[in-house]
Structure formats: C-alpha cells, structure tokens
C-alpha cells in the first residue's frame, strides 16, 4: 500500500510518477558509471620471449616483484604458511630445549646416586683397612689362621750389631 495525500492508494503498475519523472521502483536516482574503456594489450618484448604456461603480467607488477627479495616475495605471497612454519619451528626448538634439560636432570640424578655408592664403598674400604692395621687383628690372625704362638715373656734375646 502506498500513502498519498488523500490516504492509502492501491499499489501502482511498477512505475512511480512525480516531479522527477518516470523511473522504476528499484532506481535510486543515481546514474550508473560509464563503462570503462578496454585495457590495451601489452606488447611482447623481443628480449624475453613468452614461455609456455606463464601468464604475462603488467609491467608495474613485474617491476614491483623484481624489487622484492626472495624472502619479501615469500612474505607477500605466503605470509600465513610462513607464520605457521615459524611458529612450528619455535615450538620444536622449545620442545628440544625442554627435553634436553629433562635428560640432563636425569643424568645428574643418576651420577649423584653413583657418586654416593662409590663414597659408601670407599668408606667401607677405609674401615677394613683400619681394622687390618690394628694390632689385635694382626695377633688374632697370626694365632688363629697361621698357627703362631705368643712368645714367652722371659725369653728375651738381644742381638749385637757390629759396627
């Protein structure tokens, strides 16, 4: 339904009439832009023959690409895979570092346990050495294992040394 000065009126056949003239319902009064002229076809260079499968690009784009270094072109064309690759490399380096630290920690623990075992063994050997150097042990070994007897206290022998 359309609103008029006199009230509601039934919808029209598809065109609106008024001061602006006759125009379609979907027209907003703005004219469409004029059609663009066709672009001229780039001329082929005699120095660089066209390769099969390679599309010619405007000279401005080729000049811009020629100025960019390889990494710059990679960043301009494939920044998302580059960022993902860099993130994966950082994560890999982090994992390598943490696993190396954990392995080093386990090695330190194992070596400390081994050092404690050697210190205990060293103390046991020092105790056995002190025991074997004591006079009571020497006397018990001489009488028990070797069958020696203790000398009589009255039998003293003096030895003369000639000079």
N, C-alpha and C. Protein backbone atom coordinates (compact mmCIF):
# COMPACT_ATOMS: atom_id res chain seq x y z
N UNK A 1 0.85 -1.17 0.00
CA UNK A 1 0.00 0.00 0.00
C UNK A 1 0.89 1.23 0.00
N UNK A 2 0.49 2.21 -0.70
CA UNK A 2 1.23 3.46 -0.79
C UNK A 2 0.44 4.54 -0.07
N UNK A 3 1.10 5.47 0.50
CA UNK A 3 0.46 6.57 1.23
C UNK A 3 0.40 7.79 0.32
N UNK A 4 -0.76 8.36 0.15
CA UNK A 4 -0.94 9.57 -0.66
C UNK A 4 -1.52 10.66 0.21
N UNK A 5 -1.70 11.85 -0.38
CA UNK A 5 -2.26 12.96 0.38
C UNK A 5 -3.67 12.63 0.83
N UNK A 6 -4.41 11.97 0.03
CA UNK A 6 -5.79 11.66 0.36
C UNK A 6 -5.94 10.40 1.17
N UNK A 7 -4.90 9.67 1.47
CA UNK A 7 -5.00 8.44 2.23
C UNK A 7 -4.23 7.32 1.54
N UNK A 8 -4.67 6.08 1.78
CA UNK A 8 -4.00 4.94 1.17
C UNK A 8 -4.49 4.73 -0.24
N UNK A 9 -3.58 4.34 -1.13
CA UNK A 9 -3.94 4.07 -2.51
C UNK A 9 -3.41 2.70 -2.86
N UNK A 10 -4.03 2.00 -3.76
CA UNK A 10 -3.53 0.69 -4.16
C UNK A 10 -2.18 0.84 -4.87
N UNK A 11 -1.32 -0.17 -4.78
CA UNK A 11 -0.01 -0.08 -5.43
C UNK A 11 -0.15 0.07 -6.93
N UNK A 12 0.80 0.84 -7.53
CA UNK A 12 0.75 1.12 -8.97
C UNK A 12 1.32 -0.03 -9.78
N UNK A 13 1.32 0.16 -11.11
CA UNK A 13 1.76 -0.91 -12.00
C UNK A 13 3.25 -1.16 -11.98
N UNK A 14 4.07 -0.37 -11.33
CA UNK A 14 5.50 -0.65 -11.32
C UNK A 14 6.32 0.60 -11.52
N UNK A 15 5.73 1.72 -11.93
CA UNK A 15 6.50 2.95 -12.08
C UNK A 15 5.92 3.99 -11.14
N UNK A 16 6.79 4.88 -10.70
CA UNK A 16 6.36 5.97 -9.83
C UNK A 16 6.28 7.24 -10.67
N UNK A 17 5.24 8.04 -10.44
CA UNK A 17 5.10 9.28 -11.19
C UNK A 17 5.20 10.42 -10.21
N UNK A 18 5.88 11.43 -10.59
CA UNK A 18 6.01 12.60 -9.73
C UNK A 18 6.85 13.64 -10.40
N UNK A 19 7.42 14.56 -9.59
CA UNK A 19 8.21 15.66 -10.15
C UNK A 19 9.45 15.17 -10.89
N UNK A 20 10.02 14.09 -10.42
CA UNK A 20 11.27 13.63 -11.01
C UNK A 20 11.07 12.89 -12.31
N UNK A 21 9.88 12.67 -12.73
CA UNK A 21 9.63 11.95 -13.97
C UNK A 21 9.32 10.51 -13.68
N UNK A 22 9.39 9.72 -14.67
CA UNK A 22 9.06 8.31 -14.55
C UNK A 22 10.34 7.51 -14.34
N UNK A 23 10.36 6.72 -13.29
CA UNK A 23 11.52 5.84 -13.06
C UNK A 23 11.05 4.55 -12.41
N UNK A 24 11.86 3.52 -12.47
CA UNK A 24 11.49 2.22 -11.92
C UNK A 24 11.54 2.22 -10.39
N UNK A 25 10.87 1.25 -9.78
CA UNK A 25 10.80 1.19 -8.32
C UNK A 25 12.18 0.99 -7.68
N UNK A 26 13.08 0.24 -8.28
CA UNK A 26 14.37 -0.05 -7.68
C UNK A 26 15.43 1.00 -8.00
N UNK A 27 15.12 2.03 -8.73
CA UNK A 27 16.09 3.05 -9.10
C UNK A 27 16.16 4.08 -7.98
N UNK A 28 17.38 4.45 -7.58
CA UNK A 28 17.53 5.44 -6.51
C UNK A 28 17.87 6.81 -7.05
N UNK A 29 17.89 6.99 -8.32
CA UNK A 29 18.14 8.27 -8.93
C UNK A 29 19.59 8.50 -9.28
N UNK A 30 20.48 7.55 -8.99
CA UNK A 30 21.89 7.71 -9.31
C UNK A 30 22.17 6.98 -10.61
N UNK A 31 22.82 7.70 -11.56
CA UNK A 31 23.11 7.05 -12.83
C UNK A 31 24.27 6.08 -12.67
N UNK A 32 24.26 5.02 -13.41
CA UNK A 32 25.37 4.07 -13.34
C UNK A 32 26.63 4.71 -13.92
N UNK A 33 27.82 4.26 -13.46
CA UNK A 33 29.06 4.82 -14.01
C UNK A 33 29.22 4.43 -15.46
N UNK A 34 29.93 5.26 -16.22
CA UNK A 34 30.11 4.90 -17.64
C UNK A 34 31.00 3.67 -17.73
N UNK A 35 30.84 2.88 -18.77
CA UNK A 35 31.67 1.67 -18.91
C UNK A 35 33.14 2.07 -19.10
N UNK A 36 34.03 1.27 -18.48
CA UNK A 36 35.47 1.54 -18.58
C UNK A 36 35.97 1.15 -19.95
N UNK A 37 36.90 1.93 -20.50
CA UNK A 37 37.43 1.55 -21.82
C UNK A 37 38.27 0.29 -21.68
N UNK A 38 38.33 -0.53 -22.71
CA UNK A 38 39.12 -1.77 -22.63
C UNK A 38 40.61 -1.44 -22.50
N UNK A 39 41.32 -2.23 -21.71
CA UNK A 39 42.75 -2.03 -21.50
C UNK A 39 43.52 -2.47 -22.74
N UNK A 40 44.57 -1.72 -23.10
CA UNK A 40 45.34 -2.16 -24.27
C UNK A 40 46.13 -3.41 -23.93
N UNK A 41 46.32 -4.21 -24.90
CA UNK A 41 47.06 -5.46 -24.72
C UNK A 41 48.55 -5.16 -24.65
N UNK A 42 49.28 -5.71 -23.63
CA UNK A 42 50.71 -5.41 -23.54
C UNK A 42 51.47 -6.01 -24.71
N UNK A 43 52.44 -5.24 -25.19
CA UNK A 43 53.23 -5.71 -26.31
C UNK A 43 54.27 -6.68 -25.82
N UNK A 44 54.60 -7.65 -26.66
CA UNK A 44 55.64 -8.62 -26.29
C UNK A 44 57.01 -7.99 -26.48
N UNK A 45 57.90 -8.33 -25.56
CA UNK A 45 59.27 -7.85 -25.66
C UNK A 45 60.06 -8.80 -26.54
N UNK A 46 60.96 -8.25 -27.33
CA UNK A 46 61.78 -9.11 -28.17
C UNK A 46 62.85 -9.82 -27.36
N UNK A 47 63.27 -9.19 -26.25
CA UNK A 47 64.34 -9.77 -25.44
C UNK A 47 63.86 -10.98 -24.66
N UNK A 48 62.62 -10.94 -24.20
CA UNK A 48 62.12 -12.05 -23.39
C UNK A 48 60.94 -12.70 -24.10
N UNK A 49 61.14 -13.81 -24.78
CA UNK A 49 60.01 -14.47 -25.44
C UNK A 49 59.06 -15.06 -24.40
N UNK A 50 57.82 -15.16 -24.79
CA UNK A 50 56.80 -15.68 -23.88
C UNK A 50 57.00 -17.18 -23.68
N UNK A 51 57.02 -17.58 -22.42
CA UNK A 51 57.20 -19.00 -22.11
C UNK A 51 55.84 -19.67 -22.02
N UNK A 52 55.82 -20.94 -22.37
CA UNK A 52 54.56 -21.69 -22.36
C UNK A 52 54.08 -21.85 -20.92
N UNK A 53 52.84 -21.57 -20.68
CA UNK A 53 52.26 -21.77 -19.36
C UNK A 53 52.47 -20.59 -18.44
N UNK A 54 53.19 -19.56 -18.85
CA UNK A 54 53.42 -18.40 -17.99
C UNK A 54 52.58 -17.25 -18.50
N UNK A 55 51.84 -16.67 -17.60
CA UNK A 55 50.92 -15.61 -17.95
C UNK A 55 51.65 -14.27 -17.90
N UNK A 56 51.42 -13.42 -18.88
CA UNK A 56 52.02 -12.09 -18.86
C UNK A 56 51.31 -11.23 -17.84
N UNK A 57 52.10 -10.44 -17.12
CA UNK A 57 51.52 -9.54 -16.13
C UNK A 57 51.89 -8.11 -16.51
N UNK A 58 51.15 -7.17 -15.99
CA UNK A 58 51.51 -5.78 -16.28
C UNK A 58 52.92 -5.47 -15.79
N UNK A 59 53.57 -4.54 -16.46
CA UNK A 59 54.96 -4.20 -16.15
C UNK A 59 55.10 -3.67 -14.73
N UNK A 60 54.09 -2.98 -14.22
CA UNK A 60 54.17 -2.42 -12.87
C UNK A 60 54.28 -3.54 -11.84
N UNK A 61 53.55 -4.62 -12.04
CA UNK A 61 53.62 -5.73 -11.08
C UNK A 61 54.95 -6.46 -11.19
N UNK A 62 55.45 -6.65 -12.41
CA UNK A 62 56.73 -7.32 -12.56
C UNK A 62 57.85 -6.50 -11.96
N UNK A 63 57.79 -5.18 -12.12
CA UNK A 63 58.81 -4.30 -11.55
C UNK A 63 58.78 -4.36 -10.03
N UNK A 64 57.56 -4.39 -9.45
CA UNK A 64 57.43 -4.46 -8.00
C UNK A 64 57.97 -5.79 -7.48
N UNK A 65 57.68 -6.88 -8.17
CA UNK A 65 58.19 -8.18 -7.74
C UNK A 65 59.70 -8.27 -7.91
N UNK A 66 60.23 -7.62 -8.94
CA UNK A 66 61.67 -7.68 -9.17
C UNK A 66 62.42 -6.96 -8.06
N UNK A 67 61.83 -5.96 -7.45
CA UNK A 67 62.49 -5.22 -6.38
C UNK A 67 62.48 -5.98 -5.07
N UNK A 68 61.50 -6.83 -4.85
CA UNK A 68 61.39 -7.54 -3.58
C UNK A 68 62.41 -8.67 -3.53
N UNK A 69 63.10 -8.84 -2.41
CA UNK A 69 63.96 -10.01 -2.29
C UNK A 69 63.11 -11.28 -2.16
N UNK A 70 63.77 -12.39 -2.19
CA UNK A 70 63.04 -13.67 -2.18
C UNK A 70 62.20 -13.80 -0.91
N UNK A 71 62.78 -13.46 0.24
CA UNK A 71 62.01 -13.57 1.48
C UNK A 71 60.85 -12.60 1.50
N UNK A 72 61.05 -11.42 0.91
CA UNK A 72 59.95 -10.45 0.84
C UNK A 72 58.82 -10.95 -0.03
N UNK A 73 59.17 -11.58 -1.16
CA UNK A 73 58.12 -12.14 -2.01
C UNK A 73 57.40 -13.29 -1.32
N UNK A 74 58.17 -14.10 -0.58
CA UNK A 74 57.55 -15.20 0.16
C UNK A 74 56.58 -14.64 1.19
N UNK A 75 57.00 -13.58 1.89
CA UNK A 75 56.14 -12.99 2.91
C UNK A 75 54.90 -12.36 2.26
N UNK A 76 55.07 -11.72 1.10
CA UNK A 76 53.95 -11.06 0.45
C UNK A 76 52.95 -12.06 -0.10
N UNK A 77 53.43 -13.20 -0.57
CA UNK A 77 52.51 -14.14 -1.20
C UNK A 77 52.04 -15.23 -0.25
N UNK A 78 52.89 -15.62 0.71
CA UNK A 78 52.52 -16.75 1.57
C UNK A 78 52.83 -16.41 3.01
N UNK A 79 52.25 -15.36 3.55
CA UNK A 79 52.58 -14.96 4.92
C UNK A 79 51.98 -15.92 5.93
N UNK A 80 50.82 -16.46 5.68
CA UNK A 80 50.21 -17.36 6.65
C UNK A 80 51.01 -18.66 6.80
N UNK A 81 51.38 -19.33 5.70
CA UNK A 81 52.23 -20.52 5.88
C UNK A 81 53.58 -20.17 6.51
N UNK A 82 54.11 -18.98 6.19
CA UNK A 82 55.38 -18.57 6.79
C UNK A 82 55.24 -18.41 8.29
N UNK A 83 54.15 -17.79 8.72
CA UNK A 83 53.92 -17.61 10.17
C UNK A 83 53.73 -18.96 10.84
N UNK A 84 52.97 -19.84 10.20
CA UNK A 84 52.76 -21.18 10.78
C UNK A 84 54.06 -21.97 10.85
N UNK A 85 54.88 -21.87 9.81
CA UNK A 85 56.17 -22.56 9.81
C UNK A 85 57.07 -22.00 10.91
N UNK A 86 57.09 -20.68 11.06
CA UNK A 86 57.90 -20.08 12.12
C UNK A 86 57.40 -20.51 13.49
N UNK A 87 56.09 -20.55 13.68
CA UNK A 87 55.54 -20.98 14.97
C UNK A 87 55.89 -22.45 15.25
N UNK A 88 55.83 -23.28 14.23
CA UNK A 88 56.19 -24.69 14.41
C UNK A 88 57.67 -24.84 14.76
N UNK A 89 58.52 -24.03 14.11
CA UNK A 89 59.95 -24.09 14.42
C UNK A 89 60.23 -23.64 15.85
N UNK A 90 59.54 -22.59 16.29
CA UNK A 90 59.72 -22.12 17.67
C UNK A 90 59.25 -23.19 18.65
N UNK A 91 58.11 -23.82 18.37
CA UNK A 91 57.61 -24.88 19.25
C UNK A 91 58.57 -26.07 19.27
N UNK A 92 59.12 -26.41 18.11
CA UNK A 92 60.08 -27.51 18.05
C UNK A 92 61.33 -27.19 18.84
N UNK A 93 61.83 -25.98 18.73
CA UNK A 93 63.02 -25.58 19.49
C UNK A 93 62.72 -25.63 20.99
N UNK A 94 61.52 -25.20 21.39
CA UNK A 94 61.14 -25.25 22.80
C UNK A 94 61.13 -26.70 23.30
N UNK A 95 60.55 -27.59 22.51
CA UNK A 95 60.49 -29.00 22.92
C UNK A 95 61.88 -29.62 22.99
N UNK A 96 62.74 -29.28 22.05
CA UNK A 96 64.10 -29.82 22.07
C UNK A 96 64.84 -29.33 23.32
N UNK A 97 64.68 -28.04 23.64
CA UNK A 97 65.34 -27.48 24.81
C UNK A 97 64.83 -28.14 26.10
N UNK A 98 63.51 -28.25 26.25
CA UNK A 98 62.97 -28.82 27.48
C UNK A 98 63.32 -30.30 27.62
N UNK A 99 63.31 -31.03 26.51
CA UNK A 99 63.68 -32.45 26.62
C UNK A 99 65.16 -32.59 26.95
N UNK A 100 65.99 -31.71 26.40
CA UNK A 100 67.41 -31.73 26.74
C UNK A 100 67.65 -31.42 28.21
N UNK A 101 66.91 -30.47 28.74
CA UNK A 101 67.04 -30.12 30.16
C UNK A 101 66.59 -31.29 31.04
N UNK A 102 65.48 -31.92 30.66
CA UNK A 102 64.99 -33.06 31.44
C UNK A 102 65.99 -34.20 31.41
N UNK A 103 66.55 -34.48 30.25
CA UNK A 103 67.54 -35.55 30.13
C UNK A 103 68.77 -35.24 30.97
N UNK A 104 69.21 -33.99 30.94
CA UNK A 104 70.36 -33.60 31.76
C UNK A 104 70.06 -33.76 33.24
N UNK A 105 68.85 -33.41 33.64
CA UNK A 105 68.45 -33.58 35.05
C UNK A 105 68.50 -35.05 35.47
N UNK A 106 68.00 -35.94 34.59
CA UNK A 106 68.05 -37.37 34.92
C UNK A 106 69.49 -37.86 35.00
N UNK A 107 70.35 -37.38 34.09
CA UNK A 107 71.76 -37.78 34.13
C UNK A 107 72.43 -37.31 35.41
N UNK A 108 72.12 -36.10 35.84
CA UNK A 108 72.70 -35.58 37.09
C UNK A 108 72.26 -36.43 38.28
N UNK A 109 70.98 -36.78 38.31
CA UNK A 109 70.47 -37.63 39.41
C UNK A 109 71.17 -38.99 39.43
N UNK A 110 71.32 -39.59 38.26
CA UNK A 110 71.97 -40.90 38.18
C UNK A 110 73.43 -40.81 38.63
N UNK A 111 74.12 -39.77 38.20
CA UNK A 111 75.52 -39.61 38.58
C UNK A 111 75.68 -39.31 40.07
N UNK A 112 74.73 -38.58 40.66
CA UNK A 112 74.79 -38.34 42.11
C UNK A 112 74.60 -39.64 42.89
N UNK A 113 73.67 -40.48 42.43
CA UNK A 113 73.47 -41.77 43.08
C UNK A 113 74.72 -42.64 42.96
N UNK A 114 75.33 -42.64 41.77
CA UNK A 114 76.55 -43.41 41.57
C UNK A 114 77.68 -42.88 42.46
N UNK A 115 77.80 -41.55 42.58
CA UNK A 115 78.82 -40.96 43.45
C UNK A 115 78.60 -41.37 44.90
N UNK A 116 77.34 -41.36 45.36
CA UNK A 116 77.04 -41.78 46.74
C UNK A 116 77.42 -43.24 46.98
N UNK A 117 77.16 -44.10 45.98
CA UNK A 117 77.54 -45.51 46.11
C UNK A 117 79.05 -45.67 46.23
N UNK A 118 79.81 -44.92 45.41
CA UNK A 118 81.27 -45.01 45.46
C UNK A 118 81.82 -44.46 46.79
N UNK A 119 81.18 -43.40 47.29
CA UNK A 119 81.62 -42.87 48.59
C UNK A 119 81.39 -43.89 49.70
N UNK A 120 80.25 -44.59 49.67
CA UNK A 120 79.97 -45.62 50.66
C UNK A 120 80.98 -46.76 50.55
N UNK A 121 81.29 -47.18 49.33
CA UNK A 121 82.27 -48.25 49.12
C UNK A 121 83.66 -47.82 49.62
N UNK A 122 84.01 -46.54 49.38
CA UNK A 122 85.29 -46.02 49.83
C UNK A 122 85.37 -46.02 51.37
N UNK A 123 84.28 -45.64 52.03
CA UNK A 123 84.25 -45.66 53.49
C UNK A 123 84.39 -47.09 54.03
N UNK A 124 83.73 -48.04 53.35
CA UNK A 124 83.85 -49.44 53.78
C UNK A 124 85.28 -49.94 53.65
N UNK A 125 85.96 -49.57 52.55
CA UNK A 125 87.35 -49.98 52.37
C UNK A 125 88.28 -49.33 53.39
N UNK A 126 88.02 -48.07 53.73
CA UNK A 126 88.82 -47.40 54.75
C UNK A 126 88.64 -48.07 56.11
N UNK A 127 87.42 -48.48 56.44
CA UNK A 127 87.15 -49.17 57.70
C UNK A 127 87.87 -50.51 57.74
N UNK A 128 87.83 -51.25 56.63
CA UNK A 128 88.50 -52.54 56.58
C UNK A 128 90.01 -52.37 56.68
N UNK A 129 90.56 -51.33 56.05
CA UNK A 129 91.99 -51.05 56.13
C UNK A 129 92.40 -50.72 57.57
N UNK A 130 91.60 -49.92 58.25
CA UNK A 130 91.91 -49.59 59.64
C UNK A 130 91.84 -50.83 60.52
N UNK A 131 90.88 -51.71 60.25
CA UNK A 131 90.74 -52.95 61.03
C UNK A 131 91.96 -53.84 60.84
N UNK A 132 92.43 -53.97 59.61
CA UNK A 132 93.56 -54.86 59.34
C UNK A 132 94.89 -54.29 59.84
N UNK A 133 94.92 -53.00 60.08
CA UNK A 133 96.15 -52.41 60.60
C UNK A 133 96.20 -52.44 62.14
N UNK A 134 95.12 -52.80 62.76
CA UNK A 134 95.13 -52.83 64.23
C UNK A 134 95.92 -54.04 64.74
N UNK A 135 96.59 -53.87 65.87
CA UNK A 135 97.44 -54.93 66.43
C UNK A 135 96.62 -56.13 66.90
N UNK A 136 95.45 -55.91 67.43
CA UNK A 136 94.63 -57.04 67.91
C UNK A 136 94.21 -57.94 66.74
N UNK A 137 93.89 -57.36 65.60
CA UNK A 137 93.50 -58.17 64.44
C UNK A 137 94.71 -58.95 63.93
N UNK A 138 95.85 -58.30 63.89
CA UNK A 138 97.06 -58.97 63.42
C UNK A 138 97.40 -60.16 64.33
N UNK A 139 97.27 -59.96 65.66
CA UNK A 139 97.57 -61.04 66.60
C UNK A 139 96.58 -62.19 66.44
N UNK A 140 95.28 -61.86 66.28
CA UNK A 140 94.28 -62.93 66.12
C UNK A 140 94.50 -63.69 64.81
N UNK A 141 94.89 -63.05 63.77
CA UNK A 141 95.17 -63.73 62.50
C UNK A 141 96.41 -64.60 62.62
N UNK A 142 97.40 -64.09 63.30
CA UNK A 142 98.65 -64.86 63.42
C UNK A 142 98.42 -66.12 64.24
N UNK A 143 97.67 -66.01 65.33
CA UNK A 143 97.46 -67.19 66.18
C UNK A 143 96.40 -68.11 65.59
N UNK A 144 95.35 -67.55 65.04
CA UNK A 144 94.25 -68.39 64.56
C UNK A 144 94.53 -69.01 63.21
N UNK A 145 94.87 -68.23 62.23
CA UNK A 145 94.98 -68.73 60.86
C UNK A 145 96.36 -69.30 60.57
N UNK A 146 97.38 -68.66 61.07
CA UNK A 146 98.72 -69.11 60.75
C UNK A 146 99.29 -70.10 61.78
N UNK A 147 98.61 -70.26 62.91
CA UNK A 147 99.05 -71.23 63.92
C UNK A 147 100.25 -70.76 64.72
N UNK A 148 100.53 -69.52 64.81
CA UNK A 148 101.66 -69.00 65.59
C UNK A 148 101.27 -68.95 67.06
N UNK A 149 102.27 -68.95 67.90
CA UNK A 149 102.04 -68.88 69.35
C UNK A 149 102.72 -67.62 69.87
N UNK A 150 102.20 -67.16 70.94
CA UNK A 150 102.75 -65.96 71.56
C UNK A 150 104.07 -66.32 72.25
N UNK A 151 105.04 -65.45 72.15
CA UNK A 151 106.37 -65.70 72.75
C UNK A 151 106.28 -65.55 74.26
N UNK A 152 107.13 -66.33 74.97
CA UNK A 152 107.18 -66.25 76.43
C UNK A 152 107.83 -64.92 76.82
N UNK A 153 107.33 -64.28 77.86
CA UNK A 153 107.91 -63.00 78.24
C UNK A 153 109.32 -63.15 78.82
N UNK A 154 109.73 -64.31 79.26
CA UNK A 154 111.05 -64.48 79.85
C UNK A 154 112.11 -64.71 78.80
N UNK A 155 111.73 -65.12 77.64
CA UNK A 155 112.72 -65.44 76.64
C UNK A 155 113.02 -64.19 75.82
N UNK A 156 114.02 -63.48 76.30
CA UNK A 156 114.46 -62.29 75.56
C UNK A 156 115.79 -62.58 74.93
N UNK A 157 115.94 -62.16 73.74
CA UNK A 157 117.19 -62.35 73.02
C UNK A 157 117.66 -61.00 72.54
N UNK A 158 118.92 -60.70 72.88
CA UNK A 158 119.49 -59.45 72.42
C UNK A 158 120.40 -59.73 71.26
N UNK A 159 120.36 -58.90 70.32
CA UNK A 159 121.19 -59.07 69.13
C UNK A 159 122.22 -57.94 69.13
N UNK A 160 123.49 -58.33 68.97
CA UNK A 160 124.55 -57.35 68.92
C UNK A 160 124.80 -56.98 67.46
N UNK A 161 124.96 -55.76 67.27
CA UNK A 161 125.22 -55.28 65.90
C UNK A 161 126.63 -54.77 65.88
N UNK A 162 127.42 -55.26 64.97
CA UNK A 162 128.79 -54.82 64.87
C UNK A 162 128.87 -53.64 63.91
N UNK A 163 129.76 -52.71 64.38
CA UNK A 163 129.86 -51.53 63.53
C UNK A 163 131.16 -51.41 62.91
